[in-house]
Amino acid sequence: SLRQNQSVNGIKNFTLPDFNLAMNRVMPFQNVSGGKKTEIIRKFNLAYNFNLQNLITNDSNVVGSKSLGKDSFLLADNKTWQKRGYYNFSNDFDYLTRPDKLNNGIKHSIPISTSVKVLKYFSLNPNMTYEEFWYNRSINHTVAIADNGATIIKKDTVQGFSRASQYSMGTGLTTRVYGTFFIRKGRVEALRHTLIPNLSYTYRPDFAESSYGYYDKLKVNNQDVYRSKFEGFVMGGPGIGKTSAIGLSLNNNFELKVKEKSDSVSVKRKYKKISLLDNLGLSSAYNLAADSFNLSNIAFTARTKLFSLFDIAYSGSIDPYERITDTTKTGSKYSRRINEFQLNKIKGKGIGNLVTSNLAFSFNLNSEKLKRKKKPEVDERASGIQAMSPTDEVLRDIKNNPNNYLDFTIPWSIYLAYNLNYNQYFVPGASRDGYNHSITYNGDLSLSEKWKVQFSSGYNLTQKLVTYTRFGITRDLHCWVMSLNWVPPIPGTINSGSYNFQLNVKSSVLQDLKLTKNRFWTDQ
């Protein structure tokens, strides 16, 4: 497939090809005998993902400056790149597509996990991920002195095959705790609370250590500076910094069990569940390997649904460390973190600073909901209350990727959402608060049994701008799905807009088997 993106400063990136090959998770030892003693072996599973990308960019920081020579990149004062520039694709296409200017690479990923019951009620889930990067070059960094006396870092490209790998491992211990409060008043039978605690540990070594050879260690202005030999490469490279973190999360679900309405007292009345709160959660982690700020932000979430039509979701995070007011050399004031917990330092000021907050209201309606089609219910008198809602991961994926769940059996549907975001930004020498609220909407309409049209758009109320807009038409070809999408130019911008044609297998197992054709304004 082909992908393209463009930033407001004129940088354009084209990814062609973008090839993915995935092996479904397999359990090679599932038939091993031995009962509970071999459970951890029988549940051992692994998957494999292969990704190849070739990036064409007009960013001078990636392909280099002609005036500096093909292998030279300069970085002044260790913090600021040379003034960022970009080439014109029409005038410099031959230069940008030279083999030594193409940014390509391959990434292999192998996730491994297993599961075993311990102490009867707990589930232990060890896991490991191995990743490997392949490139046709690498970068060497050296310190030099410019003509004006400034200290610079020079980047020299070394042609030839290079590889790097990284791995991480961890384990999680989880269980479920149920509590039921019987009400038995009117139609309300009981209230059920499900608590899902999860204790985890994650380890990843510091791949900037010299023994791995993936980073250059430089001395700049009497400070140690690390630069990756794969800096700016399309697939990235091994990370810097050691992680040895203990994580804790607590998720809560609250449900009501109520009797269905019935006109006859002789008929056994069936039950239904009403979800009051989904995923009322709290999570954080403590990095044992960090020399300061060991405790990560405390994240919290909550979600509920009203009348099967409205969703209300809230999430946010709190920084537990104190912030003090400091002054820059120019006299402006800003907030700065210090390595002390606010709870201990400032009494009565809470456990920390709210740094992110998101409140979302969404409305989802389709033709099936209006019909109030009655679905068969299951009598659960014997089994008690069982969780009805899908997992949070599925809900999140459906919300974020509605096109992956296109249902040709529903004549029409519409989704409308309002989002209010708050972010507190802290960077050296500056701090500010940011508020943003927007409306997004999408929908689809079946023209016939096999044809469906879709649309999606939105409006940023803070910036007063129309957001990404898309119109599409999809044809169900039984085992295949054909789609054509058009993205119109965004008002207030120039040189934007595209269309996309795709023919892909409907089965999720073969979702990477597809034919894609894209055209962007730059192709004209």
Protein backbone atom coordinates (compact mmCIF):
# COMPACT_ATOMS: atom_id res chain seq x y z
CA SER A 1 0.00 0.00 0.00
CA LEU A 2 0.96 3.67 -0.20
CA ARG A 3 0.62 6.26 2.55
CA GLN A 4 1.27 9.99 2.49
CA ASN A 5 1.33 12.69 5.13
CA GLN A 6 2.19 16.35 5.10
CA SER A 7 3.06 18.73 7.95
CA VAL A 8 2.28 22.42 8.09
CA ASN A 9 5.97 23.30 7.56
CA GLY A 10 6.04 21.72 4.09
CA ILE A 11 7.56 18.35 5.01
CA LYS A 12 5.99 15.54 2.97
CA ASN A 13 6.48 11.81 3.46
CA PHE A 14 5.47 9.07 1.02
CA THR A 15 5.61 5.45 2.16
CA LEU A 16 5.74 3.08 -0.83
CA PRO A 17 5.63 0.18 -0.43
CA ASP A 18 4.29 -0.55 3.03
CA PHE A 19 4.20 -4.34 3.19
CA ASN A 20 2.95 -6.33 6.18
CA LEU A 21 2.99 -10.05 6.76
CA ALA A 22 1.51 -11.48 9.95
CA MET A 23 1.31 -14.98 11.36
CA ASN A 24 -1.64 -15.62 13.64
CA ARG A 25 -0.87 -16.58 17.21
CA VAL A 26 -0.15 -20.31 17.48
CA MET A 27 0.13 -22.71 20.43
CA PRO A 28 2.71 -25.33 19.38
CA PHE A 29 2.50 -27.36 22.61
CA GLN A 30 -1.25 -27.34 23.24
CA ASN A 31 -1.50 -31.13 22.90
CA VAL A 32 1.14 -31.88 25.53
CA SER A 33 -0.26 -34.14 28.24
CA GLY A 34 0.32 -33.79 31.96
CA GLY A 35 -2.66 -31.86 33.32
CA LYS A 36 -2.03 -28.81 35.48
CA LYS A 37 1.69 -29.55 35.73
CA THR A 38 2.16 -28.75 32.04
CA GLU A 39 -0.43 -25.96 31.79
CA ILE A 40 2.21 -23.25 31.36
CA ILE A 41 3.71 -25.21 28.43
CA ARG A 42 0.38 -26.03 26.78
CA LYS A 43 -0.69 -22.38 26.85
CA PHE A 44 2.62 -21.17 25.44
CA ASN A 45 1.86 -19.13 22.31
CA LEU A 46 3.67 -16.88 19.87
CA ALA A 47 3.02 -14.79 16.78
CA TYR A 48 5.18 -13.19 14.10
CA ASN A 49 4.90 -9.84 12.33
CA PHE A 50 6.96 -8.67 9.36
CA ASN A 51 6.86 -5.05 8.19
CA LEU A 52 8.78 -3.55 5.27
CA GLN A 53 8.61 0.17 4.54
CA ASN A 54 10.25 2.48 2.03
CA LEU A 55 9.96 6.18 2.84
CA ILE A 56 10.48 9.00 0.34
CA THR A 57 10.74 12.37 2.05
CA ASN A 58 11.71 15.92 1.15
CA ASP A 59 12.98 16.67 4.68
CA SER A 60 16.56 17.98 4.48
CA ASN A 61 17.26 16.70 7.99
CA VAL A 62 16.66 13.15 6.74
CA VAL A 63 18.09 13.14 3.21
CA GLY A 64 20.79 15.70 3.95
CA SER A 65 21.69 19.07 2.54
CA LYS A 66 23.39 19.25 -0.86
CA SER A 67 25.59 22.07 0.38
CA LEU A 68 26.90 19.88 3.21
CA GLY A 69 27.52 16.79 1.11
CA LYS A 70 25.55 13.59 0.91
CA ASP A 71 26.80 12.14 4.20
CA SER A 72 26.83 15.22 6.42
CA PHE A 73 24.21 16.36 8.90
CA LEU A 74 24.89 19.08 11.43
CA LEU A 75 23.38 19.50 14.88
CA ALA A 76 24.26 22.71 16.70
CA ASP A 77 24.45 23.13 20.50
CA ASN A 78 23.28 19.51 20.94
CA LYS A 79 19.64 20.62 21.04
CA THR A 80 18.60 22.38 17.85
CA TRP A 81 18.89 21.02 14.34
CA GLN A 82 20.10 23.27 11.58
CA LYS A 83 17.21 25.31 10.22
CA ARG A 84 14.83 22.73 8.84
CA GLY A 85 14.29 22.86 5.11
CA TYR A 86 12.57 20.82 2.45
CA TYR A 87 13.02 20.07 -1.22
CA ASN A 88 10.54 20.53 -4.03
CA PHE A 89 9.41 17.10 -5.23
CA SER A 90 9.04 18.25 -8.82
CA ASN A 91 12.52 19.79 -9.07
CA ASP A 92 14.46 17.36 -6.88
CA PHE A 93 12.65 14.06 -7.46
CA ASP A 94 15.74 12.33 -8.91
CA TYR A 95 17.83 13.41 -5.92
CA LEU A 96 15.21 12.33 -3.36
CA THR A 97 14.78 8.88 -4.93
CA ARG A 98 18.47 8.00 -5.12
CA PRO A 99 19.14 4.65 -3.39
CA ASP A 100 21.24 6.34 -0.70
CA LYS A 101 18.42 8.83 0.00
CA LEU A 102 15.56 6.36 0.34
CA ASN A 103 14.67 5.67 3.96
CA ASN A 104 13.78 1.98 4.02
CA GLY A 105 13.95 -0.85 6.48
CA ILE A 106 12.48 -4.08 7.80
CA LYS A 107 11.13 -4.81 11.26
CA HIS A 108 10.52 -8.28 12.70
CA SER A 109 8.42 -8.67 15.83
CA ILE A 110 7.79 -11.85 17.84
CA PRO A 111 5.45 -11.58 20.85
CA ILE A 112 5.50 -14.60 23.18
CA SER A 113 3.22 -15.28 26.13
CA THR A 114 1.69 -17.99 28.26
CA SER A 115 -0.70 -18.29 31.18
CA VAL A 116 -1.06 -20.47 34.24
CA LYS A 117 -3.40 -20.61 37.22
CA VAL A 118 -1.77 -20.12 40.62
CA LEU A 119 -3.30 -20.40 44.08
CA LYS A 120 -6.57 -21.46 42.41
CA TYR A 121 -7.96 -17.95 41.87
CA PHE A 122 -5.06 -16.08 40.27
CA SER A 123 -3.82 -16.02 36.69
CA LEU A 124 -0.09 -15.54 36.05
CA ASN A 125 0.72 -14.26 32.55
CA PRO A 126 4.44 -14.17 31.62
CA ASN A 127 5.27 -12.46 28.33
CA MET A 128 8.21 -11.45 26.17
CA THR A 129 8.61 -9.44 22.96
CA TYR A 130 11.58 -9.63 20.62
CA GLU A 131 12.10 -7.10 17.82
CA GLU A 132 14.77 -6.88 15.15
CA PHE A 133 15.53 -4.05 12.71
CA TRP A 134 17.25 -4.44 9.34
CA TYR A 135 18.69 -1.53 7.35
CA ASN A 136 21.07 -1.01 4.44
CA ARG A 137 23.10 1.59 6.33
CA SER A 138 23.86 3.07 9.75
CA ILE A 139 25.12 6.38 11.14
CA ASN A 140 28.32 7.31 12.96
CA HIS A 141 28.31 10.45 15.12
CA THR A 142 31.39 12.54 15.90
CA VAL A 143 31.96 15.85 17.66
CA ALA A 144 33.48 18.67 15.61
CA ILE A 145 34.07 22.40 15.83
CA ALA A 146 32.39 24.66 13.28
CA ASP A 147 34.08 27.64 11.63
CA ASN A 148 32.37 29.97 14.10
CA GLY A 149 33.73 27.98 17.05
CA ALA A 150 30.46 26.29 17.97
CA THR A 151 30.42 22.63 18.97
CA ILE A 152 28.54 20.51 16.45
CA ILE A 153 27.71 16.84 15.99
CA LYS A 154 28.51 15.44 12.57
CA LYS A 155 26.59 12.46 11.18
CA ASP A 156 28.35 10.23 8.65
CA THR A 157 26.37 7.57 6.80
CA VAL A 158 27.98 4.11 6.63
CA GLN A 159 26.58 2.08 3.73
CA GLY A 160 26.07 -1.66 4.17
CA PHE A 161 23.74 -4.06 5.94
CA SER A 162 23.14 -3.28 9.60
CA ARG A 163 20.87 -4.88 12.17
CA ALA A 164 19.77 -4.16 15.69
CA SER A 165 17.51 -5.92 18.15
CA GLN A 166 15.70 -5.21 21.37
CA TYR A 167 13.61 -7.21 23.77
CA SER A 168 11.43 -6.73 26.81
CA MET A 169 9.84 -9.16 29.22
CA GLY A 170 7.37 -9.10 32.02
CA THR A 171 4.59 -10.83 33.84
CA GLY A 172 1.18 -10.01 35.21
CA LEU A 173 -0.84 -11.42 38.09
CA THR A 174 -4.58 -10.87 37.98
CA THR A 175 -7.84 -12.14 39.40
CA ARG A 176 -11.49 -11.18 39.66
CA VAL A 177 -13.32 -10.40 42.88
CA TYR A 178 -17.13 -10.40 42.83
CA GLY A 179 -19.49 -8.79 45.28
CA THR A 180 -23.29 -8.96 45.06
CA PHE A 181 -25.73 -6.84 47.03
CA PHE A 182 -29.26 -8.25 46.84
CA ILE A 183 -31.92 -5.53 46.68
CA ARG A 184 -35.06 -7.44 45.62
CA LYS A 185 -37.32 -4.42 45.43
CA GLY A 186 -39.67 -4.07 42.49
CA ARG A 187 -37.97 -5.32 39.36
CA VAL A 188 -34.45 -4.74 40.72
CA GLU A 189 -32.94 -8.03 41.86
CA ALA A 190 -29.32 -7.21 42.74
CA LEU A 191 -26.31 -4.94 42.31
CA ARG A 192 -23.06 -6.58 41.33
CA HIS A 193 -19.54 -5.18 41.69
CA THR A 194 -16.62 -6.77 39.84
CA LEU A 195 -13.10 -5.76 40.89
CA ILE A 196 -10.22 -6.71 38.58
CA PRO A 197 -6.81 -5.99 40.15
CA ASN A 198 -3.67 -6.50 38.09
CA LEU A 199 -0.11 -6.48 39.39
CA SER A 200 2.58 -6.46 36.71
CA TYR A 201 6.33 -6.25 36.26
CA THR A 202 8.15 -5.10 33.10
CA TYR A 203 11.86 -5.23 32.34
CA ARG A 204 13.78 -3.76 29.42
CA PRO A 205 17.56 -3.21 29.41
CA ASP A 206 19.24 0.04 28.39
CA PHE A 207 20.23 -0.48 24.75
CA ALA A 208 22.36 2.66 24.83
CA GLU A 209 25.03 0.74 26.75
CA SER A 210 28.27 0.36 24.82
CA SER A 211 28.07 -3.45 24.90
CA TYR A 212 25.17 -3.36 22.42
CA GLY A 213 26.83 -0.93 19.99
CA TYR A 214 23.59 0.77 18.97
CA TYR A 215 24.41 4.26 20.27
CA ASP A 216 27.36 6.64 20.00
CA LYS A 217 28.39 8.20 23.32
CA LEU A 218 29.73 11.73 22.84
CA LYS A 219 31.08 14.41 25.14
CA VAL A 220 29.49 17.79 24.33
CA ASN A 221 30.00 20.79 26.60
CA ASN A 222 31.20 18.46 29.37
CA GLN A 223 27.99 16.43 29.18
CA ASP A 224 27.43 12.87 27.95
CA VAL A 225 25.24 12.78 24.86
CA TYR A 226 23.85 9.61 23.25
CA ARG A 227 22.93 9.38 19.58
CA SER A 228 21.35 6.34 17.95
CA LYS A 229 23.03 4.81 14.92
CA PHE A 230 19.50 4.47 13.48
CA GLU A 231 18.34 8.01 14.23
CA GLY A 232 15.56 9.09 11.88
CA PHE A 233 15.28 5.65 10.25
CA VAL A 234 11.83 4.61 9.10
CA MET A 235 11.44 1.62 11.45
CA GLY A 236 13.17 3.23 14.42
CA GLY A 237 15.65 1.36 16.57
CA PRO A 238 16.32 0.05 20.08
CA GLY A 239 15.25 2.38 22.86
CA ILE A 240 17.37 4.24 25.37
CA GLY A 241 16.94 3.94 29.11
CA LYS A 242 16.47 0.97 31.40
CA THR A 243 13.02 -0.03 32.61
CA SER A 244 12.34 -2.15 35.66
CA ALA A 245 8.81 -1.19 36.56
CA ILE A 246 6.13 -2.51 38.88
CA GLY A 247 2.63 -1.62 37.74
CA LEU A 248 -0.72 -1.75 39.51
CA SER A 249 -4.16 -1.27 38.02
CA LEU A 250 -7.63 -1.56 39.54
CA ASN A 251 -10.67 -1.84 37.28
CA ASN A 252 -14.26 -1.86 38.52
CA ASN A 253 -17.55 -2.73 36.84
CA PHE A 254 -20.99 -2.13 38.37
CA GLU A 255 -24.13 -3.83 37.03
CA LEU A 256 -27.79 -4.13 37.97
CA LYS A 257 -29.77 -7.31 37.52
CA VAL A 258 -33.43 -6.52 36.81
CA LYS A 259 -36.48 -8.55 35.86
CA GLU A 260 -37.95 -8.24 32.40
CA LYS A 261 -41.47 -6.87 32.14
CA SER A 262 -44.15 -9.58 31.91
CA ASP A 263 -47.94 -9.48 31.59
CA SER A 264 -48.40 -12.90 33.22
CA VAL A 265 -47.36 -13.84 36.74
CA SER A 266 -47.41 -17.53 35.83
CA VAL A 267 -44.58 -17.17 33.34
CA LYS A 268 -41.06 -17.31 34.70
CA ARG A 269 -39.67 -13.84 34.35
CA LYS A 270 -36.32 -13.50 32.68
CA TYR A 271 -33.52 -11.20 33.68
CA LYS A 272 -31.43 -8.59 31.97
CA LYS A 273 -28.36 -6.70 33.06
CA ILE A 274 -27.97 -2.95 33.08
CA SER A 275 -24.44 -1.65 33.17
CA LEU A 276 -24.03 1.30 35.54
CA LEU A 277 -20.28 1.89 35.29
CA ASP A 278 -17.78 0.22 32.96
CA ASN A 279 -14.08 0.28 33.59
CA LEU A 280 -13.91 2.62 36.57
CA GLY A 281 -10.14 2.30 36.68
CA LEU A 282 -6.99 3.54 38.32
CA SER A 283 -3.42 2.67 37.29
CA SER A 284 0.21 3.69 37.78
CA ALA A 285 3.72 2.22 37.75
CA TYR A 286 6.98 2.61 39.65
CA ASN A 287 10.27 2.36 37.72
CA LEU A 288 12.90 0.86 40.01
CA ALA A 289 15.66 1.64 37.51
CA ALA A 290 15.05 5.40 37.26
CA ASP A 291 17.28 7.73 39.26
CA SER A 292 14.44 10.24 39.76
CA PHE A 293 10.71 10.63 39.12
CA ASN A 294 10.22 6.88 39.59
CA LEU A 295 6.45 7.01 39.89
CA SER A 296 4.58 7.45 36.61
CA ASN A 297 1.46 9.56 36.22
CA ILE A 298 -1.64 8.18 37.91
CA ALA A 299 -4.21 7.43 35.20
CA PHE A 300 -7.94 7.07 35.78
CA THR A 301 -10.89 6.18 33.57
CA ALA A 302 -14.66 5.86 33.80
CA ARG A 303 -17.37 5.03 31.31
CA THR A 304 -21.13 4.60 31.37
CA LYS A 305 -23.95 4.14 28.87
CA LEU A 306 -27.42 5.70 28.94
CA PHE A 307 -30.49 4.19 27.25
CA SER A 308 -28.27 2.17 24.86
CA LEU A 309 -27.77 5.37 22.88
CA PHE A 310 -25.48 7.70 24.80
CA ASP A 311 -21.94 7.01 25.96
CA ILE A 312 -20.17 9.14 28.55
CA ALA A 313 -16.45 8.52 28.99
CA TYR A 314 -13.90 10.31 31.12
CA SER A 315 -10.16 9.81 31.42
CA GLY A 316 -7.28 11.76 32.85
CA SER A 317 -3.91 11.60 34.54
CA ILE A 318 -2.33 13.18 37.60
CA ASP A 319 1.35 13.98 38.03
CA PRO A 320 2.20 13.11 41.66
CA TYR A 321 5.30 15.32 41.77
CA GLU A 322 5.40 18.88 43.03
CA ARG A 323 5.87 21.81 40.69
CA ILE A 324 7.50 25.06 41.67
CA THR A 325 7.54 28.44 39.96
CA ASP A 326 10.85 29.36 38.37
CA THR A 327 12.11 32.29 36.30
CA THR A 328 13.92 32.21 32.97
CA LYS A 329 16.85 34.45 32.05
CA THR A 330 14.43 36.78 30.30
CA GLY A 331 12.32 37.13 33.44
CA SER A 332 9.30 35.04 32.39
CA LYS A 333 7.88 32.63 34.94
CA TYR A 334 7.16 28.94 34.40
CA SER A 335 6.45 25.79 36.39
CA ARG A 336 9.14 23.18 36.95
CA ARG A 337 8.90 19.65 38.34
CA ILE A 338 10.95 18.66 41.36
CA ASN A 339 11.61 15.14 42.62
CA GLU A 340 9.30 15.36 45.64
CA PHE A 341 5.75 14.10 46.03
CA GLN A 342 3.22 16.89 46.28
CA LEU A 343 1.26 14.91 48.87
CA ASN A 344 4.23 15.02 51.25
CA LYS A 345 5.36 18.55 50.43
CA ILE A 346 2.16 20.58 50.27
CA LYS A 347 -0.51 19.58 52.75
CA GLY A 348 -4.10 19.98 51.63
CA LYS A 349 -3.19 20.40 47.93
CA GLY A 350 -4.21 16.92 46.81
CA ILE A 351 -2.10 14.06 45.53
CA GLY A 352 -0.74 15.88 42.47
CA ASN A 353 -1.38 18.07 39.44
CA LEU A 354 -4.00 17.27 36.84
CA VAL A 355 -2.03 17.16 33.57
CA THR A 356 -4.51 15.57 31.14
CA SER A 357 -8.28 15.32 31.13
CA ASN A 358 -10.73 14.15 28.49
CA LEU A 359 -14.51 14.15 28.63
CA ALA A 360 -16.44 12.62 25.74
CA PHE A 361 -20.16 12.45 25.03
CA SER A 362 -21.22 10.27 22.13
CA PHE A 363 -24.51 9.32 20.53
CA ASN A 364 -24.95 6.25 18.38
CA LEU A 365 -28.17 5.48 16.54
CA ASN A 366 -29.08 3.06 13.77
CA SER A 367 -32.18 1.67 12.14
CA GLU A 368 -32.12 -1.54 14.18
CA LYS A 369 -32.34 0.37 17.46
CA LEU A 370 -35.42 2.24 16.26
CA LYS A 371 -37.14 -1.02 15.39
CA ARG A 372 -36.61 -2.16 18.99
CA LYS A 373 -36.13 -5.66 17.70
CA LYS A 374 -36.39 -8.05 20.62
CA LYS A 375 -33.46 -10.40 21.04
CA PRO A 376 -33.69 -13.78 22.79
CA GLU A 377 -32.80 -13.53 26.47
CA VAL A 378 -31.06 -16.12 28.59
CA ASP A 379 -32.55 -17.08 31.93
CA GLU A 380 -29.71 -16.61 34.35
CA ARG A 381 -31.42 -17.50 37.64
CA ALA A 382 -28.97 -20.29 38.26
CA SER A 383 -25.83 -18.69 36.96
CA GLY A 384 -26.27 -15.25 38.55
CA ILE A 385 -25.12 -12.05 36.91
CA GLN A 386 -22.58 -12.36 34.14
CA ALA A 387 -20.74 -9.45 32.56
CA MET A 388 -22.54 -8.46 29.35
CA SER A 389 -20.35 -5.74 27.97
CA PRO A 390 -17.54 -6.40 25.51
CA THR A 391 -14.01 -5.84 26.72
CA ASP A 392 -12.70 -2.31 26.81
CA GLU A 393 -10.21 -3.15 24.05
CA VAL A 394 -13.02 -4.17 21.69
CA LEU A 395 -15.09 -1.10 22.55
CA ARG A 396 -12.10 1.15 21.98
CA ASP A 397 -11.29 -0.50 18.65
CA ILE A 398 -14.88 -0.22 17.41
CA LYS A 399 -14.95 3.46 18.38
CA ASN A 400 -11.56 4.30 16.88
CA ASN A 401 -11.93 2.15 13.75
CA PRO A 402 -15.60 2.19 12.77
CA ASN A 403 -14.80 1.27 9.16
CA ASN A 404 -13.47 -2.10 10.31
CA TYR A 405 -16.94 -2.99 11.55
CA LEU A 406 -19.10 -2.00 8.58
CA ASP A 407 -22.39 -3.91 8.87
CA PHE A 408 -24.27 -4.35 5.59
CA THR A 409 -27.35 -5.71 7.42
CA ILE A 410 -28.06 -2.30 9.01
CA PRO A 411 -29.68 0.14 6.52
CA TRP A 412 -28.29 3.27 8.18
CA SER A 413 -26.38 4.44 11.24
CA ILE A 414 -25.08 7.73 12.63
CA TYR A 415 -22.49 8.54 15.27
CA LEU A 416 -22.03 11.95 16.89
CA ALA A 417 -19.46 12.83 19.57
CA TYR A 418 -18.34 15.85 21.54
CA ASN A 419 -14.85 15.85 23.07
CA LEU A 420 -13.41 18.26 25.62
CA ASN A 421 -9.66 17.95 26.23
CA TYR A 422 -7.32 19.60 28.69
CA ASN A 423 -3.54 19.26 28.61
CA GLN A 424 -0.94 20.88 30.82
CA TYR A 425 2.34 21.25 28.94
CA PHE A 426 5.64 21.38 30.78
CA VAL A 427 8.86 21.90 28.86
CA PRO A 428 12.15 23.38 30.06
CA GLY A 429 11.69 27.10 30.45
CA ALA A 430 7.98 27.15 29.66
CA SER A 431 4.61 25.83 30.78
CA ARG A 432 1.07 26.38 29.60
CA ASP A 433 -2.43 24.97 29.74
CA GLY A 434 -4.25 23.86 26.63
CA TYR A 435 -7.98 23.41 26.17
CA ASN A 436 -9.53 21.96 23.07
CA HIS A 437 -13.07 20.88 22.24
CA SER A 438 -14.45 19.46 19.05
CA ILE A 439 -17.35 17.67 17.43
CA THR A 440 -16.94 14.59 15.28
CA TYR A 441 -19.57 12.69 13.34
CA ASN A 442 -19.82 9.82 10.91
CA GLY A 443 -22.49 7.66 9.40
CA ASP A 444 -23.43 5.26 6.64
CA LEU A 445 -26.40 4.46 4.46
CA SER A 446 -27.17 1.27 2.54
CA LEU A 447 -28.23 2.03 -1.03
CA SER A 448 -28.96 -1.65 -1.59
CA GLU A 449 -28.09 -5.01 -0.06
CA LYS A 450 -24.51 -4.81 -1.35
CA TRP A 451 -23.85 -1.06 -1.67
CA LYS A 452 -23.18 1.31 1.21
CA VAL A 453 -22.03 4.94 1.38
CA GLN A 454 -20.17 6.42 4.35
CA PHE A 455 -19.08 9.83 5.54
CA SER A 456 -17.07 11.23 8.42
CA SER A 457 -16.07 14.74 9.43
CA GLY A 458 -15.84 17.08 12.38
CA TYR A 459 -15.34 20.62 13.56
CA ASN A 460 -12.71 21.92 15.97
CA LEU A 461 -14.57 24.46 18.08
CA THR A 462 -11.36 25.84 19.57
CA GLN A 463 -9.54 26.49 16.31
CA LYS A 464 -12.77 27.01 14.35
CA LEU A 465 -11.62 24.62 11.63
CA VAL A 466 -13.22 21.73 9.78
CA THR A 467 -11.32 18.55 10.62
CA TYR A 468 -10.45 15.57 8.42
CA THR A 469 -13.40 14.79 6.15
CA ARG A 470 -13.97 11.63 4.16
CA PHE A 471 -16.66 10.33 1.80
CA GLY A 472 -16.70 6.72 0.70
CA ILE A 473 -18.65 4.05 -1.10
CA THR A 474 -18.28 0.32 -0.43
CA ARG A 475 -19.38 -2.75 -2.38
CA ASP A 476 -19.76 -6.17 -0.75
CA LEU A 477 -18.33 -8.76 -3.18
CA HIS A 478 -19.11 -11.76 -0.96
CA CYS A 479 -15.56 -12.84 0.00
CA TRP A 480 -14.08 -9.48 -0.98
CA VAL A 481 -14.84 -5.85 -0.20
CA MET A 482 -14.26 -3.01 -2.67
CA SER A 483 -14.13 0.58 -1.42
CA LEU A 484 -13.50 4.04 -2.88
CA ASN A 485 -12.78 6.97 -0.55
CA TRP A 486 -12.39 10.66 -1.28
CA VAL A 487 -10.84 13.23 1.05
CA PRO A 488 -11.74 16.76 -0.11
CA PRO A 489 -9.33 19.67 0.36
CA ILE A 490 -9.45 21.11 3.87
CA PRO A 491 -10.80 24.68 3.91
CA GLY A 492 -8.10 27.22 4.68
CA THR A 493 -5.28 25.04 3.35
CA ILE A 494 -3.68 24.50 -0.03
CA ASN A 495 -2.44 21.41 -1.82
CA SER A 496 -4.55 18.92 0.12
CA GLY A 497 -7.04 16.22 -0.77
CA SER A 498 -6.77 12.67 -2.04
CA TYR A 499 -8.66 9.58 -3.07
CA ASN A 500 -8.12 5.92 -2.26
CA PHE A 501 -9.32 2.74 -3.97
CA GLN A 502 -8.95 -0.58 -2.16
CA LEU A 503 -9.92 -4.18 -2.84
CA ASN A 504 -9.35 -6.51 0.10
CA VAL A 505 -10.38 -9.90 1.45
CA LYS A 506 -13.23 -9.67 3.95
CA SER A 507 -11.75 -12.27 6.31
CA SER A 508 -9.73 -10.74 9.16
CA VAL A 509 -7.25 -13.61 8.86
CA LEU A 510 -6.28 -12.39 5.37
CA GLN A 511 -6.79 -8.67 5.99
CA ASP A 512 -3.32 -7.84 4.64
CA LEU A 513 -4.20 -9.38 1.26
CA LYS A 514 -5.37 -6.29 -0.60
CA LEU A 515 -4.91 -4.12 -3.67
CA THR A 516 -4.65 -0.39 -3.02
CA LYS A 517 -4.50 2.61 -5.35
CA ASN A 518 -3.97 6.12 -3.98
CA ARG A 519 -3.78 9.52 -5.61
CA PHE A 520 -2.76 12.72 -3.85
CA TRP A 521 -2.62 16.33 -4.97
CA THR A 522 1.14 15.91 -5.47
CA ASP A 523 0.48 13.37 -8.25
CA GLN A 524 -1.01 16.03 -10.49
